[in-house]
Every structure is written in C-alpha cells, then in structure tokens.
N, C-alpha and C. Protein backbone atom coordinates (compact mmCIF):
# COMPACT_ATOMS: atom_id res chain seq x y z
N MET A 1 -0.96 -32.44 -2.91
CA MET A 1 -1.31 -31.43 -3.88
C MET A 1 -0.93 -31.93 -5.27
N ARG A 2 -1.86 -31.79 -6.22
CA ARG A 2 -1.60 -32.25 -7.58
C ARG A 2 -0.59 -31.35 -8.29
N GLU A 3 0.05 -31.89 -9.32
CA GLU A 3 1.05 -31.14 -10.09
C GLU A 3 0.44 -29.89 -10.72
N ALA A 4 -0.78 -30.00 -11.24
CA ALA A 4 -1.43 -28.85 -11.88
C ALA A 4 -1.73 -27.76 -10.86
N ASP A 5 -2.06 -28.14 -9.62
CA ASP A 5 -2.34 -27.16 -8.59
C ASP A 5 -1.09 -26.37 -8.19
N LEU A 6 0.07 -27.00 -8.30
CA LEU A 6 1.32 -26.32 -7.95
C LEU A 6 1.56 -25.14 -8.88
N TYR A 7 1.25 -25.32 -10.15
CA TYR A 7 1.45 -24.24 -11.12
C TYR A 7 0.42 -23.13 -10.93
N ASP A 8 -0.73 -23.45 -10.33
CA ASP A 8 -1.75 -22.44 -10.07
C ASP A 8 -1.40 -21.56 -8.88
N VAL A 9 -0.64 -22.07 -7.93
CA VAL A 9 -0.28 -21.32 -6.73
C VAL A 9 0.69 -20.19 -7.08
N ILE A 10 1.74 -20.51 -7.83
CA ILE A 10 2.76 -19.52 -8.19
C ILE A 10 2.42 -18.96 -9.55
N ARG A 11 2.17 -17.65 -9.61
CA ARG A 11 1.81 -17.03 -10.88
C ARG A 11 3.02 -16.62 -11.70
N SER A 12 3.95 -15.87 -11.08
CA SER A 12 5.12 -15.37 -11.81
C SER A 12 6.18 -14.92 -10.82
N PRO A 13 7.44 -14.91 -11.26
CA PRO A 13 8.48 -14.34 -10.41
C PRO A 13 8.42 -12.82 -10.48
N VAL A 14 8.87 -12.16 -9.44
CA VAL A 14 8.95 -10.70 -9.43
C VAL A 14 10.38 -10.33 -9.75
N ILE A 15 10.57 -9.57 -10.82
CA ILE A 15 11.91 -9.16 -11.23
C ILE A 15 11.99 -7.64 -11.10
N THR A 16 12.42 -7.20 -9.93
CA THR A 16 12.60 -5.78 -9.66
C THR A 16 13.97 -5.59 -9.01
N GLU A 17 14.32 -4.35 -8.82
CA GLU A 17 15.60 -4.06 -8.18
C GLU A 17 15.63 -4.59 -6.75
N LYS A 18 14.54 -4.42 -6.04
CA LYS A 18 14.47 -4.88 -4.65
C LYS A 18 14.51 -6.41 -4.58
N ALA A 19 13.84 -7.09 -5.51
CA ALA A 19 13.85 -8.55 -5.54
C ALA A 19 15.24 -9.08 -5.88
N THR A 20 15.95 -8.37 -6.74
CA THR A 20 17.31 -8.76 -7.10
C THR A 20 18.24 -8.60 -5.90
N MET A 21 18.06 -7.54 -5.12
CA MET A 21 18.87 -7.35 -3.92
C MET A 21 18.57 -8.43 -2.89
N ALA A 22 17.33 -8.90 -2.82
CA ALA A 22 16.96 -9.96 -1.88
C ALA A 22 17.60 -11.29 -2.24
N SER A 23 17.92 -11.48 -3.53
CA SER A 23 18.53 -12.74 -3.97
C SER A 23 19.93 -12.92 -3.38
N GLU A 24 20.56 -11.85 -2.95
CA GLU A 24 21.86 -11.96 -2.29
C GLU A 24 21.74 -12.65 -0.93
N PHE A 25 20.54 -12.62 -0.35
CA PHE A 25 20.29 -13.24 0.95
C PHE A 25 19.51 -14.55 0.80
N ASN A 26 19.62 -15.20 -0.37
CA ASN A 26 18.95 -16.48 -0.65
C ASN A 26 17.43 -16.35 -0.59
N GLN A 27 16.89 -15.23 -1.08
CA GLN A 27 15.45 -15.03 -1.10
C GLN A 27 14.98 -14.84 -2.54
N VAL A 28 13.79 -15.37 -2.84
CA VAL A 28 13.18 -15.23 -4.16
C VAL A 28 11.76 -14.71 -3.95
N VAL A 29 11.31 -13.81 -4.84
CA VAL A 29 9.99 -13.20 -4.69
C VAL A 29 9.10 -13.67 -5.83
N PHE A 30 7.88 -14.10 -5.48
CA PHE A 30 6.91 -14.58 -6.47
C PHE A 30 5.57 -13.87 -6.28
N ASN A 31 4.83 -13.66 -7.37
CA ASN A 31 3.43 -13.31 -7.29
C ASN A 31 2.66 -14.61 -7.14
N VAL A 32 1.74 -14.66 -6.18
CA VAL A 32 0.98 -15.88 -5.93
C VAL A 32 -0.51 -15.55 -5.93
N THR A 33 -1.33 -16.59 -5.93
CA THR A 33 -2.78 -16.38 -5.90
C THR A 33 -3.18 -15.84 -4.53
N LYS A 34 -4.30 -15.13 -4.49
CA LYS A 34 -4.73 -14.49 -3.24
C LYS A 34 -5.13 -15.50 -2.19
N THR A 35 -5.55 -16.69 -2.60
CA THR A 35 -6.01 -17.69 -1.64
C THR A 35 -4.91 -18.63 -1.18
N ALA A 36 -3.70 -18.47 -1.68
CA ALA A 36 -2.59 -19.37 -1.34
C ALA A 36 -2.12 -19.11 0.09
N THR A 37 -1.92 -20.21 0.83
CA THR A 37 -1.38 -20.10 2.18
C THR A 37 0.13 -20.29 2.13
N LYS A 38 0.79 -20.02 3.26
CA LYS A 38 2.24 -20.16 3.30
C LYS A 38 2.67 -21.61 3.07
N THR A 39 1.91 -22.57 3.60
CA THR A 39 2.27 -23.97 3.40
C THR A 39 2.07 -24.38 1.94
N ASP A 40 1.03 -23.86 1.29
CA ASP A 40 0.83 -24.14 -0.14
C ASP A 40 2.00 -23.61 -0.96
N ILE A 41 2.44 -22.40 -0.64
CA ILE A 41 3.54 -21.78 -1.38
C ILE A 41 4.83 -22.56 -1.15
N LYS A 42 5.07 -22.97 0.08
CA LYS A 42 6.28 -23.74 0.40
C LYS A 42 6.31 -25.06 -0.37
N GLN A 43 5.19 -25.78 -0.38
CA GLN A 43 5.12 -27.06 -1.09
C GLN A 43 5.33 -26.85 -2.59
N ALA A 44 4.71 -25.82 -3.15
CA ALA A 44 4.82 -25.58 -4.58
C ALA A 44 6.25 -25.26 -4.98
N VAL A 45 6.93 -24.40 -4.23
CA VAL A 45 8.31 -24.03 -4.57
C VAL A 45 9.23 -25.23 -4.41
N GLU A 46 9.08 -26.01 -3.34
CA GLU A 46 9.95 -27.16 -3.12
C GLU A 46 9.78 -28.21 -4.21
N LYS A 47 8.55 -28.46 -4.65
CA LYS A 47 8.32 -29.50 -5.65
C LYS A 47 8.64 -29.04 -7.06
N LEU A 48 8.36 -27.78 -7.40
CA LEU A 48 8.60 -27.31 -8.77
C LEU A 48 10.07 -27.05 -9.05
N PHE A 49 10.80 -26.54 -8.05
CA PHE A 49 12.18 -26.14 -8.28
C PHE A 49 13.20 -27.06 -7.62
N ASN A 50 12.75 -28.09 -6.90
CA ASN A 50 13.63 -29.05 -6.22
C ASN A 50 14.62 -28.35 -5.31
N VAL A 51 14.11 -27.49 -4.43
CA VAL A 51 14.93 -26.79 -3.45
C VAL A 51 14.31 -26.99 -2.07
N LYS A 52 15.04 -26.58 -1.03
CA LYS A 52 14.56 -26.67 0.34
C LYS A 52 14.26 -25.25 0.83
N VAL A 53 13.06 -25.03 1.37
CA VAL A 53 12.61 -23.71 1.80
C VAL A 53 12.68 -23.62 3.32
N ILE A 54 13.27 -22.51 3.81
CA ILE A 54 13.31 -22.26 5.25
C ILE A 54 12.05 -21.55 5.71
N ALA A 55 11.70 -20.44 5.02
CA ALA A 55 10.57 -19.62 5.47
C ALA A 55 9.86 -19.00 4.28
N VAL A 56 8.59 -18.67 4.50
CA VAL A 56 7.79 -17.97 3.49
C VAL A 56 7.12 -16.78 4.18
N ASN A 57 7.36 -15.58 3.66
CA ASN A 57 6.70 -14.38 4.13
C ASN A 57 5.78 -13.89 3.02
N THR A 58 4.57 -13.46 3.38
CA THR A 58 3.63 -13.00 2.37
C THR A 58 3.21 -11.57 2.65
N LEU A 59 2.77 -10.88 1.59
CA LEU A 59 2.24 -9.53 1.73
C LEU A 59 1.23 -9.31 0.62
N VAL A 60 0.30 -8.39 0.86
CA VAL A 60 -0.70 -8.05 -0.15
C VAL A 60 -0.55 -6.57 -0.47
N ARG A 61 -0.22 -6.28 -1.73
CA ARG A 61 -0.13 -4.89 -2.18
C ARG A 61 -1.50 -4.49 -2.68
N LYS A 62 -2.08 -3.51 -2.05
CA LYS A 62 -3.41 -3.06 -2.45
C LYS A 62 -3.34 -2.36 -3.80
N GLY A 63 -4.37 -2.52 -4.61
CA GLY A 63 -4.41 -1.93 -5.94
C GLY A 63 -4.47 -0.41 -5.88
N LYS A 64 -3.75 0.21 -6.80
CA LYS A 64 -3.70 1.67 -6.84
C LYS A 64 -4.82 2.21 -7.71
N LYS A 65 -5.20 3.43 -7.42
CA LYS A 65 -6.16 4.13 -8.29
C LYS A 65 -5.35 4.84 -9.37
N LYS A 66 -5.68 4.61 -10.63
CA LYS A 66 -4.96 5.20 -11.76
C LYS A 66 -5.96 5.85 -12.71
N ARG A 67 -5.50 6.81 -13.46
CA ARG A 67 -6.32 7.45 -14.49
C ARG A 67 -5.82 7.01 -15.85
N PHE A 68 -6.76 6.70 -16.73
CA PHE A 68 -6.44 6.36 -18.11
C PHE A 68 -7.42 7.10 -19.00
N ARG A 69 -6.90 8.02 -19.80
CA ARG A 69 -7.71 8.87 -20.68
C ARG A 69 -8.81 9.59 -19.92
N GLY A 70 -8.47 10.08 -18.74
CA GLY A 70 -9.41 10.84 -17.95
C GLY A 70 -10.35 10.02 -17.10
N ARG A 71 -10.38 8.72 -17.29
CA ARG A 71 -11.28 7.87 -16.51
C ARG A 71 -10.51 7.26 -15.34
N LEU A 72 -11.17 7.21 -14.20
CA LEU A 72 -10.56 6.65 -13.01
C LEU A 72 -10.71 5.13 -13.03
N GLY A 73 -9.61 4.44 -12.74
CA GLY A 73 -9.63 2.98 -12.71
C GLY A 73 -8.96 2.47 -11.45
N GLN A 74 -9.09 1.20 -11.21
CA GLN A 74 -8.52 0.57 -10.02
C GLN A 74 -7.72 -0.64 -10.44
N GLN A 75 -6.43 -0.70 -10.05
CA GLN A 75 -5.63 -1.88 -10.30
C GLN A 75 -6.01 -2.98 -9.31
N SER A 76 -5.74 -4.20 -9.67
CA SER A 76 -6.07 -5.33 -8.81
C SER A 76 -5.08 -5.44 -7.65
N ASP A 77 -5.53 -6.03 -6.54
CA ASP A 77 -4.63 -6.33 -5.44
C ASP A 77 -3.70 -7.46 -5.87
N VAL A 78 -2.46 -7.45 -5.35
CA VAL A 78 -1.47 -8.46 -5.72
C VAL A 78 -0.89 -9.05 -4.44
N LYS A 79 -0.88 -10.38 -4.34
CA LYS A 79 -0.27 -11.06 -3.21
C LYS A 79 1.11 -11.53 -3.63
N LYS A 80 2.12 -11.22 -2.81
CA LYS A 80 3.50 -11.62 -3.11
C LYS A 80 4.01 -12.52 -1.99
N ALA A 81 4.92 -13.40 -2.35
CA ALA A 81 5.55 -14.28 -1.37
C ALA A 81 7.06 -14.13 -1.47
N ILE A 82 7.70 -13.89 -0.34
CA ILE A 82 9.16 -13.83 -0.27
C ILE A 82 9.60 -15.15 0.33
N VAL A 83 10.28 -15.97 -0.48
CA VAL A 83 10.66 -17.32 -0.10
C VAL A 83 12.15 -17.34 0.23
N THR A 84 12.49 -17.78 1.45
CA THR A 84 13.88 -17.89 1.87
C THR A 84 14.32 -19.34 1.70
N LEU A 85 15.43 -19.52 0.98
CA LEU A 85 15.95 -20.86 0.68
C LEU A 85 17.10 -21.23 1.60
N VAL A 86 17.35 -22.54 1.73
CA VAL A 86 18.48 -23.05 2.49
C VAL A 86 19.77 -22.66 1.77
N ASP A 87 20.84 -22.41 2.53
CA ASP A 87 22.13 -22.10 1.93
C ASP A 87 22.56 -23.22 0.99
N GLY A 88 23.05 -22.86 -0.17
CA GLY A 88 23.46 -23.84 -1.17
C GLY A 88 22.40 -24.09 -2.22
N HIS A 89 21.15 -23.78 -1.94
CA HIS A 89 20.08 -23.91 -2.91
C HIS A 89 19.82 -22.56 -3.56
N SER A 90 19.47 -22.60 -4.84
CA SER A 90 19.14 -21.35 -5.54
C SER A 90 18.16 -21.64 -6.66
N ILE A 91 17.44 -20.60 -7.08
CA ILE A 91 16.49 -20.69 -8.19
C ILE A 91 16.89 -19.65 -9.21
N ASP A 92 17.09 -20.08 -10.46
CA ASP A 92 17.38 -19.14 -11.54
C ASP A 92 16.06 -18.84 -12.23
N ILE A 93 15.46 -17.70 -11.89
CA ILE A 93 14.12 -17.39 -12.40
C ILE A 93 14.14 -16.91 -13.83
N THR A 94 15.32 -16.63 -14.39
CA THR A 94 15.37 -16.16 -15.78
C THR A 94 15.22 -17.29 -16.77
N THR A 95 15.44 -18.54 -16.35
CA THR A 95 15.36 -19.66 -17.30
C THR A 95 13.95 -20.22 -17.45
N GLY A 96 13.08 -19.98 -16.49
CA GLY A 96 11.72 -20.53 -16.56
C GLY A 96 11.65 -21.91 -15.95
N LEU A 97 10.45 -22.51 -16.02
CA LEU A 97 10.24 -23.82 -15.40
C LEU A 97 10.60 -24.99 -16.30
N GLY A 98 10.55 -24.81 -17.60
CA GLY A 98 10.93 -25.84 -18.54
C GLY A 98 10.44 -27.15 -18.26
C-alpha cells in the first residue's frame, strides 16, 4: 500500500467521552473510509503511527435524519474503527501525524 493511500484510509480520530474511556484499555477510535477493510486499517495504523495492532473492530453508524430551518435532511453514514494496540504501545491523537 502506498504512503498516500494510508492517509486516505484513516480520516480522523474520534475524540469523545466513550473513546477516551476506551483508551484505558489500549484502544483508539478512528473515522475511516466506507470501503476500508480491517486489514487496510491495520496496515495504515501500524505504518503511520509505528505501533503494533492486535485487533480491529469496525462499525457503521447510519446517518440520522435532522431538520434545519424546517427542511428535512440526512446526515452521511460514518464508518468507525476501534483499534486495539499491544501493551506498551500507545498513540497520542492530540499531537497529530506531523
């Protein structure tokens, strides 16, 4: 996989209360592209952050229906990946990829 493709697989880290609680168990949550497979996500995280990945779990959050100024709209579906790291490895998502 090319270096540019690695950056296309992982869109952004998820910074929520639940994602912060998961970091206590050596897990990091990322928004990923809808077409990304678990092996693609594992390769991208290992090469971009220089860590060892044990497991990758994925989920798709379906887009919600929302109203804006009386008009009905639809949010996009979002695919998330929960990445479990080997003990001793960690990712500081607040610093960025640099």
